[in-house]
Protein backbone atom coordinates (compact mmCIF):
# COMPACT_ATOMS: atom_id res chain seq x y z
CA UNK A 1 21.28 18.63 25.84
CA UNK A 2 19.43 17.28 22.80
CA UNK A 3 15.96 18.41 21.78
CA UNK A 4 13.08 16.29 23.00
CA UNK A 5 11.93 13.63 20.58
CA UNK A 6 9.57 10.69 20.07
CA UNK A 7 10.48 7.69 17.90
CA UNK A 8 8.04 5.56 15.89
CA UNK A 9 9.01 2.16 14.65
CA UNK A 10 6.45 1.40 11.93
CA UNK A 11 6.35 -2.29 10.96
CA UNK A 12 4.18 -3.74 8.20
CA UNK A 13 3.22 -7.36 8.82
CA UNK A 14 5.20 -10.02 6.99
CA UNK A 15 4.04 -11.86 3.84
CA UNK A 16 0.83 -13.90 4.36
CA UNK A 17 -0.99 -16.80 2.89
CA UNK A 18 -3.40 -15.61 0.23
CA UNK A 19 -6.43 -17.29 1.75
CA UNK A 20 -7.57 -17.61 5.33
CA UNK A 21 -7.60 -21.06 6.95
CA UNK A 22 -10.80 -23.08 6.43
CA UNK A 23 -13.69 -21.38 8.17
CA UNK A 24 -11.62 -18.24 8.84
CA UNK A 25 -11.76 -14.70 7.64
CA UNK A 26 -9.17 -12.19 6.45
CA UNK A 27 -8.49 -11.51 10.16
CA UNK A 28 -7.29 -15.12 10.53
CA UNK A 29 -4.80 -15.17 7.67
CA UNK A 30 -1.46 -16.53 8.72
CA UNK A 31 2.13 -15.83 7.66
CA UNK A 32 3.49 -17.58 4.54
CA UNK A 33 6.87 -19.36 4.84
CA UNK A 34 8.56 -16.36 3.30
CA UNK A 35 6.82 -14.08 5.86
CA UNK A 36 8.05 -16.23 8.79
CA UNK A 37 11.55 -16.24 7.31
CA UNK A 38 11.59 -12.45 6.85
CA UNK A 39 10.18 -11.77 10.35
CA UNK A 40 12.71 -14.12 11.99
CA UNK A 41 15.53 -12.44 10.04
CA UNK A 42 14.36 -8.98 11.09
CA UNK A 43 14.03 -10.33 14.66
CA UNK A 44 17.70 -11.33 14.67
CA UNK A 45 18.67 -7.79 13.61
CA UNK A 46 16.30 -6.28 16.17
CA UNK A 47 17.73 -8.50 18.95
CA UNK A 48 21.14 -7.01 18.17
CA UNK A 49 19.95 -3.50 19.03
CA UNK A 50 20.42 -0.29 17.13
CA UNK A 51 23.97 -1.12 16.01
CA UNK A 52 22.85 -4.28 14.18
CA UNK A 53 19.92 -2.40 12.68
CA UNK A 54 22.33 0.26 11.39
CA UNK A 55 20.71 3.15 13.22
CA UNK A 56 22.37 5.67 15.52
CA UNK A 57 22.76 4.74 19.17
CA UNK A 58 20.72 7.77 20.13
CA UNK A 59 17.62 6.11 18.65
CA UNK A 60 15.72 4.42 21.40
CA UNK A 61 14.28 0.97 20.98
CA UNK A 62 10.53 0.82 21.51
CA UNK A 63 9.27 0.24 25.04
CA UNK A 64 5.66 -0.30 23.79
CA UNK A 65 4.37 -2.12 20.71
CA UNK A 66 0.85 -1.36 19.51
CA UNK A 67 -0.14 -4.42 17.48
CA UNK A 68 -3.21 -5.16 15.41
CA UNK A 69 -4.64 -8.41 16.87
CA UNK A 70 -4.98 -10.05 13.44
CA UNK A 71 -3.18 -13.38 13.17
CA UNK A 72 -0.55 -12.11 10.72
CA UNK A 73 0.36 -8.91 12.65
CA UNK A 74 0.46 -10.75 15.99
CA UNK A 75 2.73 -13.44 14.52
CA UNK A 76 5.00 -10.82 12.88
CA UNK A 77 5.39 -8.98 16.20
CA UNK A 78 6.06 -12.24 18.03
CA UNK A 79 8.78 -13.27 15.58
CA UNK A 80 10.41 -9.85 15.38
CA UNK A 81 10.45 -9.32 19.14
CA UNK A 82 11.26 -12.93 20.16
CA UNK A 83 14.99 -12.57 20.74
CA UNK A 84 15.06 -9.16 22.42
CA UNK A 85 16.48 -8.99 25.90
CA UNK A 86 14.05 -6.23 26.91
CA UNK A 87 11.02 -6.68 24.73
CA UNK A 88 8.50 -3.87 24.56
CA UNK A 89 5.14 -4.13 26.30
CA UNK A 90 2.84 -5.53 23.56
CA UNK A 91 -0.60 -3.89 23.45
CA UNK A 92 -3.10 -5.42 21.10
CA UNK A 93 -5.13 -2.59 19.58
CA UNK A 94 -8.21 -3.73 17.72
CA UNK A 95 -8.60 -0.40 15.95
CA UNK A 96 -5.35 -1.04 14.06
CA UNK A 97 -6.90 -3.87 12.03
CA UNK A 98 -8.81 -1.53 9.73
CA UNK A 99 -7.18 1.73 10.78
CA UNK A 100 -6.54 4.61 8.44
CA UNK A 101 -3.64 7.03 8.94
CA UNK A 102 -5.61 9.32 11.20
CA UNK A 103 -6.62 6.47 13.47
CA UNK A 104 -3.00 5.32 13.79
CA UNK A 105 -2.00 8.91 14.68
CA UNK A 106 -4.79 8.96 17.25
CA UNK A 107 -3.29 5.84 18.86
CA UNK A 108 0.15 7.55 18.95
CA UNK A 109 -1.32 10.79 20.34
CA UNK A 110 -2.92 8.83 23.17
CA UNK A 111 0.38 7.36 24.42
CA UNK A 112 1.74 8.34 27.79
CA UNK A 113 4.54 10.88 27.57
CA UNK A 114 6.82 8.54 29.55
CA UNK A 115 7.03 6.39 26.39
CA UNK A 116 9.92 7.68 24.25
CA UNK A 117 9.68 5.05 21.48
CA UNK A 118 6.85 2.91 20.19
CA UNK A 119 6.40 0.24 17.58
CA UNK A 120 3.23 0.02 15.54
CA UNK A 121 2.63 -3.29 13.76
CA UNK A 122 -0.10 -2.90 11.14
CA UNK A 123 -1.48 -3.45 7.68
CA UNK A 124 -1.57 -2.04 4.20
CA UNK A 125 -2.62 0.27 2.67
CA UNK A 126 -2.22 2.31 5.83
CA UNK A 127 1.44 1.25 6.58
CA UNK A 128 2.55 2.34 3.11
CA UNK A 129 0.61 5.59 3.24
CA UNK A 130 2.06 6.47 6.64
CA UNK A 131 5.56 5.41 5.60
CA UNK A 132 5.64 8.35 3.22
CA UNK A 133 3.15 10.77 4.78
CA UNK A 134 5.06 10.97 8.09
CA UNK A 135 8.25 12.36 6.50
CA UNK A 136 8.74 16.13 6.72
CA UNK A 137 9.17 17.93 3.38
CA UNK A 138 12.72 19.06 4.26
CA UNK A 139 13.90 15.44 4.68
CA UNK A 140 14.86 15.03 0.99
CA UNK A 141 17.01 11.99 1.71
CA UNK A 142 14.18 10.29 3.61
CA UNK A 143 11.61 11.11 0.96
CA UNK A 144 13.92 9.76 -1.76
CA UNK A 145 14.60 6.56 0.17
CA UNK A 146 10.91 6.00 0.88
CA UNK A 147 10.02 6.53 -2.77
CA UNK A 148 12.72 4.17 -4.03
CA UNK A 149 12.27 1.30 -1.56
CA UNK A 150 8.51 1.47 -0.99
CA UNK A 151 7.04 -0.31 2.05
CA UNK A 152 6.75 -3.98 1.23
CA UNK A 153 5.67 -6.72 3.64
CA UNK A 154 7.91 -6.82 6.74
CA UNK A 155 9.28 -3.36 6.08
CA UNK A 156 10.39 -1.41 9.11
CA UNK A 157 10.53 2.37 9.11
CA UNK A 158 11.99 4.34 11.93
CA UNK A 159 10.78 7.94 12.33
CA UNK A 160 11.84 10.61 14.74
CA UNK A 161 9.50 13.44 15.72
CA UNK A 162 11.03 16.53 17.40
CA UNK A 163 8.22 16.95 19.98
CA UNK A 164 7.92 16.68 23.72
CA UNK A 165 4.58 14.92 23.79
CA UNK A 166 2.97 12.27 21.62
CA UNK A 167 -0.14 14.39 21.31
CA UNK A 168 1.89 16.75 19.11
CA UNK A 169 2.87 14.25 16.43
CA UNK A 170 1.41 14.68 12.94
CA UNK A 171 1.85 13.99 9.29
CA UNK A 172 4.84 15.52 7.46
CA UNK A 173 6.61 16.18 10.77
CA UNK A 174 9.09 13.24 11.14
CA UNK A 175 12.62 12.58 9.95
CA UNK A 176 13.10 9.11 8.43
CA UNK A 177 15.94 7.65 10.48
CA UNK A 178 16.06 4.28 8.68
CA UNK A 179 14.08 2.08 6.32
CA UNK A 180 14.74 -1.67 6.41
CA UNK A 181 13.12 -3.92 3.81
CA UNK A 182 13.54 -7.68 3.21
CA UNK A 183 15.61 -9.63 2.54
CA UNK A 184 17.43 -8.99 5.75
CA UNK A 185 20.11 -11.72 5.47
CA UNK A 186 20.44 -15.43 5.15
CA UNK A 187 18.72 -17.98 7.35
């Protein structure tokens, strides 16, 4: 029997328009054409399951998605999850809009233990900070990959924590299972 684990799918929103729509704020910024293209391409991979994503079959797909309610994160989540046969339960979480790393971890620690895998769709600079700060020091391959590839818009990092309960997750405790960055393939 394998050790208990929890899996985090960390997704940074796709590329956005520089300015908000007339009368809008940063919260209302929408995806740029490149952002929609990247999110749709990632969605096609995601719809194919772990094999198409190039991750081990033992990695569970998320059953819950915690999504910042900003226009760009909501649209990214919609496009990435659109083709899945068993989409995760999407939970808009207002705190994720301006969250720092500790606040994202608090959201994870509050998850029910029946949830094995979760997706968090958020913003920078927090997504980039977490993408590297989650990796355990002994995961040299993961640390090297994260340093080389960065965490650009529409990046998806998959992290495995060897814990029984979400309340036990923390920084520097995960193994980086995979890091996908655009471009994901042709349209």
